[in-house]
PDB file of N, CA and C in Angstrom:
ATOM      1  N   MET A   1      20.613  67.171 -29.410  1.00  0.00           N
ATOM      2  CA  MET A   1      21.045  68.094 -30.657  1.00  0.00           C
ATOM      3  C   MET A   1      22.380  67.595 -31.221  1.00  0.00           C
ATOM      4  N   PRO A   2      22.585  66.217 -31.552  1.00  0.00           N
ATOM      5  CA  PRO A   2      23.738  65.949 -32.012  1.00  0.00           C
ATOM      6  C   PRO A   2      23.749  66.100 -33.587  1.00  0.00           C
ATOM      7  N   PHE A   3      24.920  66.352 -34.212  1.00  0.00           N
ATOM      8  CA  PHE A   3      25.192  66.631 -35.654  1.00  0.00           C
ATOM      9  C   PHE A   3      26.316  65.668 -35.951  1.00  0.00           C
ATOM     10  N   ILE A   4      26.273  64.735 -36.812  1.00  0.00           N
ATOM     11  CA  ILE A   4      27.355  63.909 -37.183  1.00  0.00           C
ATOM     12  C   ILE A   4      27.481  64.273 -38.868  1.00  0.00           C
ATOM     13  N   GLN A   5      28.945  64.561 -39.129  1.00  0.00           N
ATOM     14  CA  GLN A   5      29.133  64.784 -40.451  1.00  0.00           C
ATOM     15  C   GLN A   5      30.208  63.777 -40.896  1.00  0.00           C
ATOM     16  N   THR A   6      29.876  63.199 -41.899  1.00  0.00           N
ATOM     17  CA  THR A   6      30.881  62.113 -42.380  1.00  0.00           C
ATOM     18  C   THR A   6      31.445  62.396 -43.641  1.00  0.00           C
ATOM     19  N   LYS A   7      32.643  62.387 -43.597  1.00  0.00           N
ATOM     20  CA  LYS A   7      33.434  62.830 -45.122  1.00  0.00           C
ATOM     21  C   LYS A   7      34.152  61.546 -45.504  1.00  0.00           C
ATOM     22  N   VAL A   8      33.968  61.101 -46.630  1.00  0.00           N
ATOM     23  CA  VAL A   8      34.722  59.722 -47.163  1.00  0.00           C
ATOM     24  C   VAL A   8      35.194  59.970 -48.681  1.00  0.00           C
ATOM     25  N   ASN A   9      36.335  59.220 -48.919  1.00  0.00           N
ATOM     26  CA  ASN A   9      36.752  59.339 -50.298  1.00  0.00           C
ATOM     27  C   ASN A   9      36.208  58.451 -51.405  1.00  0.00           C
ATOM     28  N   VAL A  10      35.271  57.965 -50.928  1.00  0.00           N
ATOM     29  CA  VAL A  10      34.534  56.953 -51.752  1.00  0.00           C
ATOM     30  C   VAL A  10      33.092  57.376 -52.084  1.00  0.00           C
ATOM     31  N   LYS A  11      32.578  56.568 -53.124  1.00  0.00           N
ATOM     32  CA  LYS A  11      31.239  56.978 -53.422  1.00  0.00           C
ATOM     33  C   LYS A  11      30.288  56.333 -52.495  1.00  0.00           C
ATOM     34  N   ILE A  12      29.199  57.075 -52.071  1.00  0.00           N
ATOM     35  CA  ILE A  12      28.223  56.578 -51.330  1.00  0.00           C
ATOM     36  C   ILE A  12      26.962  56.298 -52.060  1.00  0.00           C
ATOM     37  N   GLU A  13      26.489  55.157 -52.253  1.00  0.00           N
ATOM     38  CA  GLU A  13      25.313  54.870 -53.131  1.00  0.00           C
ATOM     39  C   GLU A  13      24.039  55.353 -52.183  1.00  0.00           C
ATOM     40  N   LYS A  14      22.906  55.749 -52.730  1.00  0.00           N
ATOM     41  CA  LYS A  14      21.939  56.139 -51.957  1.00  0.00           C
ATOM     42  C   LYS A  14      21.519  55.048 -50.910  1.00  0.00           C
ATOM     43  N   ALA A  15      21.346  53.830 -51.410  1.00  0.00           N
ATOM     44  CA  ALA A  15      20.926  52.590 -50.369  1.00  0.00           C
ATOM     45  C   ALA A  15      22.033  52.629 -49.233  1.00  0.00           C
ATOM     46  N   GLN A  16      23.040  52.913 -49.444  1.00  0.00           N
ATOM     47  CA  GLN A  16      24.215  52.771 -48.548  1.00  0.00           C
ATOM     48  C   GLN A  16      23.902  53.892 -47.484  1.00  0.00           C
ATOM     49  N   GLU A  17      23.653  55.006 -48.065  1.00  0.00           N
ATOM     50  CA  GLU A  17      23.498  56.373 -47.359  1.00  0.00           C
ATOM     51  C   GLU A  17      22.177  55.980 -46.258  1.00  0.00           C
ATOM     52  N   GLU A  18      21.252  55.465 -46.945  1.00  0.00           N
ATOM     53  CA  GLU A  18      19.997  55.330 -46.070  1.00  0.00           C
ATOM     54  C   GLU A  18      20.271  54.194 -45.004  1.00  0.00           C
ATOM     55  N   ARG A  19      21.134  53.070 -45.168  1.00  0.00           N
ATOM     56  CA  ARG A  19      21.404  52.270 -44.159  1.00  0.00           C
ATOM     57  C   ARG A  19      22.260  52.985 -43.216  1.00  0.00           C
ATOM     58  N   ILE A  20      23.351  53.830 -43.584  1.00  0.00           N
ATOM     59  CA  ILE A  20      24.142  54.246 -42.605  1.00  0.00           C
ATOM     60  C   ILE A  20      23.299  55.270 -41.743  1.00  0.00           C
ATOM     61  N   LYS A  21      22.583  56.070 -42.330  1.00  0.00           N
ATOM     62  CA  LYS A  21      21.754  56.974 -41.573  1.00  0.00           C
ATOM     63  C   LYS A  21      20.815  56.168 -40.555  1.00  0.00           C
ATOM     64  N   THR A  22      20.296  55.091 -40.775  1.00  0.00           N
ATOM     65  CA  THR A  22      19.357  54.261 -39.961  1.00  0.00           C
ATOM     66  C   THR A  22      20.516  53.791 -38.663  1.00  0.00           C
ATOM     67  N   LYS A  23      21.620  53.323 -38.969  1.00  0.00           N
ATOM     68  CA  LYS A  23      22.458  52.806 -38.080  1.00  0.00           C
ATOM     69  C   LYS A  23      23.022  53.873 -37.234  1.00  0.00           C
ATOM     70  N   LEU A  24      23.413  55.140 -37.845  1.00  0.00           N
ATOM     71  CA  LEU A  24      23.720  56.071 -36.922  1.00  0.00           C
ATOM     72  C   LEU A  24      22.769  56.609 -36.016  1.00  0.00           C
ATOM     73  N   GLY A  25      21.478  56.388 -36.511  1.00  0.00           N
ATOM     74  CA  GLY A  25      20.316  57.007 -35.647  1.00  0.00           C
ATOM     75  C   GLY A  25      20.207  55.897 -34.357  1.00  0.00           C
ATOM     76  N   LYS A  26      20.673  54.917 -34.435  1.00  0.00           N
ATOM     77  CA  LYS A  26      20.462  53.789 -33.485  1.00  0.00           C
ATOM     78  C   LYS A  26      21.888  53.946 -32.533  1.00  0.00           C
ATOM     79  N   ALA A  27      22.928  54.368 -33.135  1.00  0.00           N
ATOM     80  CA  ALA A  27      24.272  54.450 -32.501  1.00  0.00           C
ATOM     81  C   ALA A  27      24.337  55.549 -31.536  1.00  0.00           C
ATOM     82  N   ILE A  28      23.546  56.753 -32.024  1.00  0.00           N
ATOM     83  CA  ILE A  28      23.793  57.825 -31.160  1.00  0.00           C
ATOM     84  C   ILE A  28      23.149  57.716 -29.935  1.00  0.00           C
ATOM     85  N   GLU A  29      22.338  56.705 -29.567  1.00  0.00           N
ATOM     86  CA  GLU A  29      21.662  56.277 -28.446  1.00  0.00           C
ATOM     87  C   GLU A  29      22.799  55.874 -27.303  1.00  0.00           C
ATOM     88  N   LEU A  30      23.968  55.512 -27.750  1.00  0.00           N
ATOM     89  CA  LEU A  30      24.904  55.287 -26.865  1.00  0.00           C
ATOM     90  C   LEU A  30      25.471  56.481 -26.070  1.00  0.00           C
ATOM     91  N   ILE A  31      25.140  57.589 -26.471  1.00  0.00           N
ATOM     92  CA  ILE A  31      25.384  58.762 -25.725  1.00  0.00           C
ATOM     93  C   ILE A  31      24.150  59.099 -24.944  1.00  0.00           C
ATOM     94  N   PRO A  32      24.256  58.940 -23.500  1.00  0.00           N
ATOM     95  CA  PRO A  32      23.004  59.170 -22.707  1.00  0.00           C
ATOM     96  C   PRO A  32      22.361  60.635 -22.967  1.00  0.00           C
ATOM     97  N   GLY A  33      21.035  60.367 -23.173  1.00  0.00           N
ATOM     98  CA  GLY A  33      20.173  61.388 -23.507  1.00  0.00           C
ATOM     99  C   GLY A  33      20.115  61.946 -24.924  1.00  0.00           C
ATOM    100  N   LYS A  34      20.753  61.278 -25.873  1.00  0.00           N
ATOM    101  CA  LYS A  34      20.662  61.500 -27.124  1.00  0.00           C
ATOM    102  C   LYS A  34      19.823  60.317 -28.085  1.00  0.00           C
ATOM    103  N   SER A  35      19.329  60.945 -29.030  1.00  0.00           N
ATOM    104  CA  SER A  35      18.336  60.174 -29.747  1.00  0.00           C
ATOM    105  C   SER A  35      18.400  60.609 -31.201  1.00  0.00           C
ATOM    106  N   GLU A  36      17.795  59.656 -32.164  1.00  0.00           N
ATOM    107  CA  GLU A  36      17.607  60.011 -33.490  1.00  0.00           C
ATOM    108  C   GLU A  36      16.640  61.316 -33.643  1.00  0.00           C
ATOM    109  N   ASN A  37      15.701  61.396 -32.655  1.00  0.00           N
ATOM    110  CA  ASN A  37      14.724  62.576 -32.713  1.00  0.00           C
ATOM    111  C   ASN A  37      15.395  63.905 -32.977  1.00  0.00           C
ATOM    112  N   TRP A  38      16.516  64.198 -32.484  1.00  0.00           N
ATOM    113  CA  TRP A  38      17.112  65.493 -32.707  1.00  0.00           C
ATOM    114  C   TRP A  38      18.477  65.307 -33.575  1.00  0.00           C
ATOM    115  N   LEU A  39      18.763  64.151 -34.117  1.00  0.00           N
ATOM    116  CA  LEU A  39      20.012  63.991 -34.750  1.00  0.00           C
ATOM    117  C   LEU A  39      19.928  64.623 -36.298  1.00  0.00           C
ATOM    118  N   MET A  40      21.010  65.182 -36.451  1.00  0.00           N
ATOM    119  CA  MET A  40      21.043  65.802 -37.946  1.00  0.00           C
ATOM    120  C   MET A  40      22.362  65.201 -38.418  1.00  0.00           C
ATOM    121  N   LEU A  41      22.311  64.668 -39.593  1.00  0.00           N
ATOM    122  CA  LEU A  41      23.435  63.871 -40.358  1.00  0.00           C
ATOM    123  C   LEU A  41      23.902  64.773 -41.675  1.00  0.00           C
ATOM    124  N   GLY A  42      25.156  64.676 -42.059  1.00  0.00           N
ATOM    125  CA  GLY A  42      25.510  65.279 -43.272  1.00  0.00           C
ATOM    126  C   GLY A  42      26.471  64.157 -43.764  1.00  0.00           C
ATOM    127  N   PHE A  43      26.524  64.081 -45.302  1.00  0.00           N
ATOM    128  CA  PHE A  43      27.225  63.061 -45.957  1.00  0.00           C
ATOM    129  C   PHE A  43      27.926  64.051 -46.998  1.00  0.00           C
ATOM    130  N   GLU A  44      29.383  63.687 -47.237  1.00  0.00           N
ATOM    131  CA  GLU A  44      30.099  64.061 -48.212  1.00  0.00           C
ATOM    132  C   GLU A  44      30.953  62.894 -48.745  1.00  0.00           C
ATOM    133  N   ASP A  45      30.576  62.577 -49.922  1.00  0.00           N
ATOM    134  CA  ASP A  45      31.318  61.409 -50.558  1.00  0.00           C
ATOM    135  C   ASP A  45      32.504  61.962 -51.554  1.00  0.00           C
ATOM    136  N   GLU A  46      33.125  61.053 -52.090  1.00  0.00           N
ATOM    137  CA  GLU A  46      34.300  61.306 -52.994  1.00  0.00           C
ATOM    138  C   GLU A  46      34.892  62.600 -52.601  1.00  0.00           C
ATOM    139  N   CYS A  47      35.267  62.722 -51.357  1.00  0.00           N
ATOM    140  CA  CYS A  47      36.212  63.869 -51.045  1.00  0.00           C
ATOM    141  C   CYS A  47      37.507  63.630 -51.274  1.00  0.00           C
ATOM    142  N   SER A  48      38.407  64.798 -51.364  1.00  0.00           N
ATOM    143  CA  SER A  48      39.699  64.473 -51.723  1.00  0.00           C
ATOM    144  C   SER A  48      40.479  64.358 -50.166  1.00  0.00           C
ATOM    145  N   LEU A  49      40.739  63.268 -49.716  1.00  0.00           N
ATOM    146  CA  LEU A  49      41.200  62.837 -48.503  1.00  0.00           C
ATOM    147  C   LEU A  49      42.578  62.116 -48.518  1.00  0.00           C
ATOM    148  N   TYR A  50      43.479  62.459 -47.812  1.00  0.00           N
ATOM    149  CA  TYR A  50      44.732  61.645 -47.681  1.00  0.00           C
ATOM    150  C   TYR A  50      45.109  61.286 -46.331  1.00  0.00           C
ATOM    151  N   PHE A  51      45.532  60.170 -45.976  1.00  0.00           N
ATOM    152  CA  PHE A  51      45.852  59.633 -44.636  1.00  0.00           C
ATOM    153  C   PHE A  51      47.002  58.838 -44.762  1.00  0.00           C
ATOM    154  N   LYS A  52      48.021  59.300 -43.902  1.00  0.00           N
ATOM    155  CA  LYS A  52      49.441  58.747 -43.972  1.00  0.00           C
ATOM    156  C   LYS A  52      50.136  58.920 -45.361  1.00  0.00           C
ATOM    157  N   GLY A  53      49.660  60.102 -45.973  1.00  0.00           N
ATOM    158  CA  GLY A  53      50.297  60.587 -47.384  1.00  0.00           C
ATOM    159  C   GLY A  53      49.694  59.968 -48.487  1.00  0.00           C
ATOM    160  N   SER A  54      48.764  59.233 -48.553  1.00  0.00           N
ATOM    161  CA  SER A  54      48.203  58.462 -49.497  1.00  0.00           C
ATOM    162  C   SER A  54      46.560  58.604 -49.389  1.00  0.00           C
ATOM    163  N   ASN A  55      45.901  58.285 -50.672  1.00  0.00           N
ATOM    164  CA  ASN A  55      44.611  58.330 -50.846  1.00  0.00           C
ATOM    165  C   ASN A  55      44.175  57.177 -51.470  1.00  0.00           C
ATOM    166  N   GLN A  56      44.997  56.019 -51.515  1.00  0.00           N
ATOM    167  CA  GLN A  56      44.769  54.765 -52.106  1.00  0.00           C
ATOM    168  C   GLN A  56      43.797  53.901 -51.432  1.00  0.00           C
ATOM    169  N   LYS A  57      43.639  54.109 -50.306  1.00  0.00           N
ATOM    170  CA  LYS A  57      42.701  53.214 -49.449  1.00  0.00           C
ATOM    171  C   LYS A  57      41.204  54.015 -49.115  1.00  0.00           C
ATOM    172  N   PRO A  58      40.256  53.530 -49.057  1.00  0.00           N
ATOM    173  CA  PRO A  58      39.000  54.158 -48.367  1.00  0.00           C
ATOM    174  C   PRO A  58      39.371  54.847 -47.006  1.00  0.00           C
ATOM    175  N   ILE A  59      38.969  56.090 -46.928  1.00  0.00           N
ATOM    176  CA  ILE A  59      39.293  56.825 -45.819  1.00  0.00           C
ATOM    177  C   ILE A  59      37.898  57.649 -45.369  1.00  0.00           C
ATOM    178  N   ALA A  60      37.917  57.903 -43.953  1.00  0.00           N
ATOM    179  CA  ALA A  60      36.748  58.571 -43.425  1.00  0.00           C
ATOM    180  C   ALA A  60      37.289  59.569 -42.526  1.00  0.00           C
ATOM    181  N   PHE A  61      36.502  60.801 -42.283  1.00  0.00           N
ATOM    182  CA  PHE A  61      36.716  61.647 -41.077  1.00  0.00           C
ATOM    183  C   PHE A  61      35.281  61.956 -40.841  1.00  0.00           C
ATOM    184  N   VAL A  62      35.091  61.786 -39.467  1.00  0.00           N
ATOM    185  CA  VAL A  62      33.633  61.952 -39.035  1.00  0.00           C
ATOM    186  C   VAL A  62      33.682  62.808 -37.957  1.00  0.00           C
ATOM    187  N   GLU A  63      32.988  63.836 -37.887  1.00  0.00           N
ATOM    188  CA  GLU A  63      32.806  65.065 -36.781  1.00  0.00           C
ATOM    189  C   GLU A  63      31.464  64.635 -36.048  1.00  0.00           C
ATOM    190  N   VAL A  64      31.524  64.660 -34.834  1.00  0.00           N
ATOM    191  CA  VAL A  64      30.260  64.399 -33.941  1.00  0.00           C
ATOM    192  C   VAL A  64      30.257  65.606 -33.171  1.00  0.00           C
ATOM    193  N   LYS A  65      29.202  66.392 -33.193  1.00  0.00           N
ATOM    194  CA  LYS A  65      29.121  67.545 -32.460  1.00  0.00           C
ATOM    195  C   LYS A  65      27.750  67.264 -31.642  1.00  0.00           C
ATOM    196  N   LEU A  66      27.852  67.706 -30.353  1.00  0.00           N
ATOM    197  CA  LEU A  66      26.670  67.735 -29.567  1.00  0.00           C
ATOM    198  C   LEU A  66      26.541  68.678 -28.446  1.00  0.00           C
ATOM    199  N   PHE A  67      25.309  68.927 -28.270  1.00  0.00           N
ATOM    200  CA  PHE A  67      24.982  69.973 -26.916  1.00  0.00           C
ATOM    201  C   PHE A  67      25.175  69.139 -25.786  1.00  0.00           C
ATOM    202  N   GLY A  68      26.092  69.732 -24.936  1.00  0.00           N
ATOM    203  CA  GLY A  68      26.320  69.229 -23.737  1.00  0.00           C
ATOM    204  C   GLY A  68      27.568  68.403 -23.682  1.00  0.00           C
ATOM    205  N   LYS A  69      27.506  67.636 -22.773  1.00  0.00           N
ATOM    206  CA  LYS A  69      28.887  66.582 -22.529  1.00  0.00           C
ATOM    207  C   LYS A  69      28.622  65.195 -22.498  1.00  0.00           C
ATOM    208  N   ALA A  70      29.681  64.224 -22.448  1.00  0.00           N
ATOM    209  CA  ALA A  70      29.430  62.776 -22.472  1.00  0.00           C
ATOM    210  C   ALA A  70      30.691  62.374 -21.986  1.00  0.00           C
ATOM    211  N   SER A  71      30.411  61.175 -21.405  1.00  0.00           N
ATOM    212  CA  SER A  71      31.730  60.621 -20.867  1.00  0.00           C
ATOM    213  C   SER A  71      32.597  59.879 -21.894  1.00  0.00           C
ATOM    214  N   SER A  72      33.929  59.644 -21.432  1.00  0.00           N
ATOM    215  CA  SER A  72      34.794  59.153 -22.341  1.00  0.00           C
ATOM    216  C   SER A  72      34.249  57.644 -22.808  1.00  0.00           C
ATOM    217  N   ASP A  73      33.638  56.944 -21.821  1.00  0.00           N
ATOM    218  CA  ASP A  73      33.271  55.581 -22.166  1.00  0.00           C
ATOM    219  C   ASP A  73      32.111  55.722 -23.257  1.00  0.00           C
ATOM    220  N   ALA A  74      31.182  56.593 -22.990  1.00  0.00           N
ATOM    221  CA  ALA A  74      30.247  56.904 -23.992  1.00  0.00           C
ATOM    222  C   ALA A  74      30.742  57.077 -25.560  1.00  0.00           C
ATOM    223  N   TYR A  75      31.787  57.927 -25.498  1.00  0.00           N
ATOM    224  CA  TYR A  75      32.440  58.316 -26.897  1.00  0.00           C
ATOM    225  C   TYR A  75      33.193  57.237 -27.413  1.00  0.00           C
ATOM    226  N   ASN A  76      33.842  56.307 -26.537  1.00  0.00           N
ATOM    227  CA  ASN A  76      34.644  55.095 -27.102  1.00  0.00           C
ATOM    228  C   ASN A  76      33.384  54.247 -27.517  1.00  0.00           C
ATOM    229  N   LYS A  77      32.231  53.938 -26.996  1.00  0.00           N
ATOM    230  CA  LYS A  77      31.207  53.137 -27.548  1.00  0.00           C
ATOM    231  C   LYS A  77      30.719  53.727 -29.014  1.00  0.00           C
ATOM    232  N   LEU A  78      30.583  55.056 -28.974  1.00  0.00           N
ATOM    233  CA  LEU A  78      30.306  55.513 -30.097  1.00  0.00           C
ATOM    234  C   LEU A  78      31.132  55.576 -31.423  1.00  0.00           C
ATOM    235  N   THR A  79      32.391  55.693 -31.042  1.00  0.00           N
ATOM    236  CA  THR A  79      33.529  55.592 -31.944  1.00  0.00           C
ATOM    237  C   THR A  79      33.496  54.056 -32.394  1.00  0.00           C
ATOM    238  N   ALA A  80      33.382  53.124 -31.693  1.00  0.00           N
ATOM    239  CA  ALA A  80      33.199  51.685 -32.064  1.00  0.00           C
ATOM    240  C   ALA A  80      32.165  51.531 -33.016  1.00  0.00           C
ATOM    241  N   ALA A  81      30.889  52.019 -32.808  1.00  0.00           N
ATOM    242  CA  ALA A  81      29.856  51.882 -33.551  1.00  0.00           C
ATOM    243  C   ALA A  81      30.042  52.513 -34.925  1.00  0.00           C
ATOM    244  N   ILE A  82      30.401  53.537 -34.774  1.00  0.00           N
ATOM    245  CA  ILE A  82      30.823  54.427 -36.308  1.00  0.00           C
ATOM    246  C   ILE A  82      31.688  53.762 -37.107  1.00  0.00           C
ATOM    247  N   THR A  83      32.831  53.314 -36.554  1.00  0.00           N
ATOM    248  CA  THR A  83      33.946  52.655 -37.307  1.00  0.00           C
ATOM    249  C   THR A  83      33.267  51.224 -37.909  1.00  0.00           C
ATOM    250  N   ASP A  84      32.517  50.632 -36.964  1.00  0.00           N
ATOM    251  CA  ASP A  84      31.818  49.416 -37.611  1.00  0.00           C
ATOM    252  C   ASP A  84      30.949  49.556 -38.624  1.00  0.00           C
ATOM    253  N   ILE A  85      30.144  50.598 -38.393  1.00  0.00           N
ATOM    254  CA  ILE A  85      29.021  50.994 -39.415  1.00  0.00           C
ATOM    255  C   ILE A  85      29.980  51.286 -40.796  1.00  0.00           C
ATOM    256  N   LEU A  86      30.833  51.986 -40.773  1.00  0.00           N
ATOM    257  CA  LEU A  86      31.624  52.416 -42.162  1.00  0.00           C
ATOM    258  C   LEU A  86      32.390  51.363 -42.624  1.00  0.00           C
ATOM    259  N   GLU A  87      32.818  50.455 -41.681  1.00  0.00           N
ATOM    260  CA  GLU A  87      33.526  49.156 -42.411  1.00  0.00           C
ATOM    261  C   GLU A  87      32.647  48.212 -42.962  1.00  0.00           C
ATOM    262  N   ASP A  88      31.188  48.093 -42.347  1.00  0.00           N
ATOM    263  CA  ASP A  88      30.315  47.293 -42.899  1.00  0.00           C
ATOM    264  C   ASP A  88      29.864  47.704 -44.260  1.00  0.00           C
ATOM    265  N   GLU A  89      29.493  49.077 -44.204  1.00  0.00           N
ATOM    266  CA  GLU A  89      28.698  49.832 -45.467  1.00  0.00           C
ATOM    267  C   GLU A  89      29.687  50.148 -46.551  1.00  0.00           C
ATOM    268  N   LEU A  90      30.850  50.674 -46.154  1.00  0.00           N
ATOM    269  CA  LEU A  90      31.557  51.305 -47.124  1.00  0.00           C
ATOM    270  C   LEU A  90      33.157  50.662 -47.201  1.00  0.00           C
ATOM    271  N   ASN A  91      33.377  49.690 -46.527  1.00  0.00           N
ATOM    272  CA  ASN A  91      34.680  48.898 -46.633  1.00  0.00           C
ATOM    273  C   ASN A  91      35.730  49.977 -46.089  1.00  0.00           C
ATOM    274  N   ILE A  92      35.438  50.602 -45.136  1.00  0.00           N
ATOM    275  CA  ILE A  92      36.507  51.658 -44.627  1.00  0.00           C
ATOM    276  C   ILE A  92      37.033  51.036 -43.285  1.00  0.00           C
ATOM    277  N   ALA A  93      38.272  50.594 -43.465  1.00  0.00           N
ATOM    278  CA  ALA A  93      38.996  49.904 -42.134  1.00  0.00           C
ATOM    279  C   ALA A  93      38.819  50.967 -40.991  1.00  0.00           C
ATOM    280  N   SER A  94      38.726  50.463 -39.862  1.00  0.00           N
ATOM    281  CA  SER A  94      38.652  51.275 -38.680  1.00  0.00           C
ATOM    282  C   SER A  94      40.113  52.132 -38.462  1.00  0.00           C
ATOM    283  N   ASP A  95      41.105  51.635 -38.984  1.00  0.00           N
ATOM    284  CA  ASP A  95      42.482  52.371 -38.841  1.00  0.00           C
ATOM    285  C   ASP A  95      42.505  53.327 -39.894  1.00  0.00           C
ATOM    286  N   CYS A  96      41.594  53.465 -40.639  1.00  0.00           N
ATOM    287  CA  CYS A  96      41.536  54.608 -41.732  1.00  0.00           C
ATOM    288  C   CYS A  96      40.385  55.511 -41.498  1.00  0.00           C
ATOM    289  N   CYS A  97      40.141  55.708 -40.298  1.00  0.00           N
ATOM    290  CA  CYS A  97      38.990  56.691 -39.927  1.00  0.00           C
ATOM    291  C   CYS A  97      39.333  57.415 -38.669  1.00  0.00           C
ATOM    292  N   TYR A  98      39.123  58.691 -38.793  1.00  0.00           N
ATOM    293  CA  TYR A  98      39.186  59.520 -37.558  1.00  0.00           C
ATOM    294  C   TYR A  98      37.814  59.916 -37.208  1.00  0.00           C
ATOM    295  N   VAL A  99      37.532  59.979 -35.968  1.00  0.00           N
ATOM    296  CA  VAL A  99      36.300  60.518 -35.400  1.00  0.00           C
ATOM    297  C   VAL A  99      36.569  61.583 -34.387  1.00  0.00           C
ATOM    298  N   LYS A 100      36.059  62.836 -34.532  1.00  0.00           N
ATOM    299  CA  LYS A 100      36.330  63.783 -33.930  1.00  0.00           C
ATOM    300  C   LYS A 100      34.992  64.436 -33.095  1.00  0.00           C
ATOM    301  N   TYR A 101      35.198  64.639 -31.683  1.00  0.00           N
ATOM    302  CA  TYR A 101      34.024  64.897 -31.024  1.00  0.00           C
ATOM    303  C   TYR A 101      34.367  66.425 -30.554  1.00  0.00           C
ATOM    304  N   GLU A 102      33.141  67.149 -30.638  1.00  0.00           N
ATOM    305  CA  GLU A 102      32.983  68.526 -30.242  1.00  0.00           C
ATOM    306  C   GLU A 102      31.754  68.736 -29.134  1.00  0.00           C
ATOM    307  N   GLU A 103      32.140  69.282 -28.007  1.00  0.00           N
ATOM    308  CA  GLU A 103      30.817  69.587 -27.024  1.00  0.00           C
ATOM    309  C   GLU A 103      30.619  71.014 -27.214  1.00  0.00           C
ATOM    310  N   VAL A 104      29.305  71.294 -27.425  1.00  0.00           N
ATOM    311  CA  VAL A 104      29.040  72.634 -27.710  1.00  0.00           C
ATOM    312  C   VAL A 104      28.054  73.084 -26.546  1.00  0.00           C
ATOM    313  N   SER A 105      28.410  74.377 -26.020  1.00  0.00           N
ATOM    314  CA  SER A 105      27.534  74.689 -24.834  1.00  0.00           C
ATOM    315  C   SER A 105      26.586  75.643 -25.435  1.00  0.00           C
ATOM    316  N   ASN A 106      26.676  76.306 -26.441  1.00  0.00           N
ATOM    317  CA  ASN A 106      25.486  76.873 -27.148  1.00  0.00           C
ATOM    318  C   ASN A 106      25.094  76.418 -28.351  1.00  0.00           C
ATOM    319  N   TRP A 107      23.687  76.171 -28.450  1.00  0.00           N
ATOM    320  CA  TRP A 107      23.220  75.421 -29.709  1.00  0.00           C
ATOM    321  C   TRP A 107      21.664  76.048 -30.023  1.00  0.00           C
ATOM    322  N   GLY A 108      21.630  76.582 -31.170  1.00  0.00           N
ATOM    323  CA  GLY A 108      20.550  77.311 -31.497  1.00  0.00           C
ATOM    324  C   GLY A 108      19.516  76.301 -32.411  1.00  0.00           C
ATOM    325  N   TRP A 109      18.108  76.651 -32.269  1.00  0.00           N
ATOM    326  CA  TRP A 109      17.265  75.899 -32.925  1.00  0.00           C
ATOM    327  C   TRP A 109      15.827  76.647 -32.925  1.00  0.00           C
ATOM    328  N   ASN A 110      15.110  76.864 -33.954  1.00  0.00           N
ATOM    329  CA  ASN A 110      13.818  77.391 -33.847  1.00  0.00           C
ATOM    330  C   ASN A 110      13.895  78.771 -33.400  1.00  0.00           C
ATOM    331  N   GLY A 111      14.855  79.690 -33.760  1.00  0.00           N
ATOM    332  CA  GLY A 111      15.073  81.124 -33.481  1.00  0.00           C
ATOM    333  C   GLY A 111      15.475  81.320 -31.848  1.00  0.00           C
ATOM    334  N   ASN A 112      15.734  80.326 -31.240  1.00  0.00           N
ATOM    335  CA  ASN A 112      16.364  80.398 -29.787  1.00  0.00           C
ATOM    336  C   ASN A 112      17.463  79.499 -29.505  1.00  0.00           C
ATOM    337  N   ASN A 113      17.997  79.706 -28.459  1.00  0.00           N
ATOM    338  CA  ASN A 113      19.288  78.752 -28.042  1.00  0.00           C
ATOM    339  C   ASN A 113      18.665  77.988 -26.819  1.00  0.00           C
ATOM    340  N   PHE A 114      19.354  76.801 -26.719  1.00  0.00           N
ATOM    341  CA  PHE A 114      18.976  75.787 -25.708  1.00  0.00           C
ATOM    342  C   PHE A 114      19.653  76.262 -24.451  1.00  0.00           C
TER     343      PHE A 114
END
């Protein structure tokens, strides 16, 4: 039950969003036990984001929430994949991207909690 929310200060074209969606669907498998089958994604483009006091470069803030826990190694691999994807698709340099992880112990779906 992972959720990845991506906020960027650039425009995301529909074709780019589709490619990012597909790539994130594969990248989530870097977290053991996670797959695209339960992945939910959210995209917010053209956000008002500032980094180091400026908004003149492409910037991204990505939140990854998942039910349960993962290792630091798995998170490092996923961070590398996410930043590579955003650099490839949106020209956002890895040093202009934050990735935040949140491990959730209670996650609801279909009227119940896991």
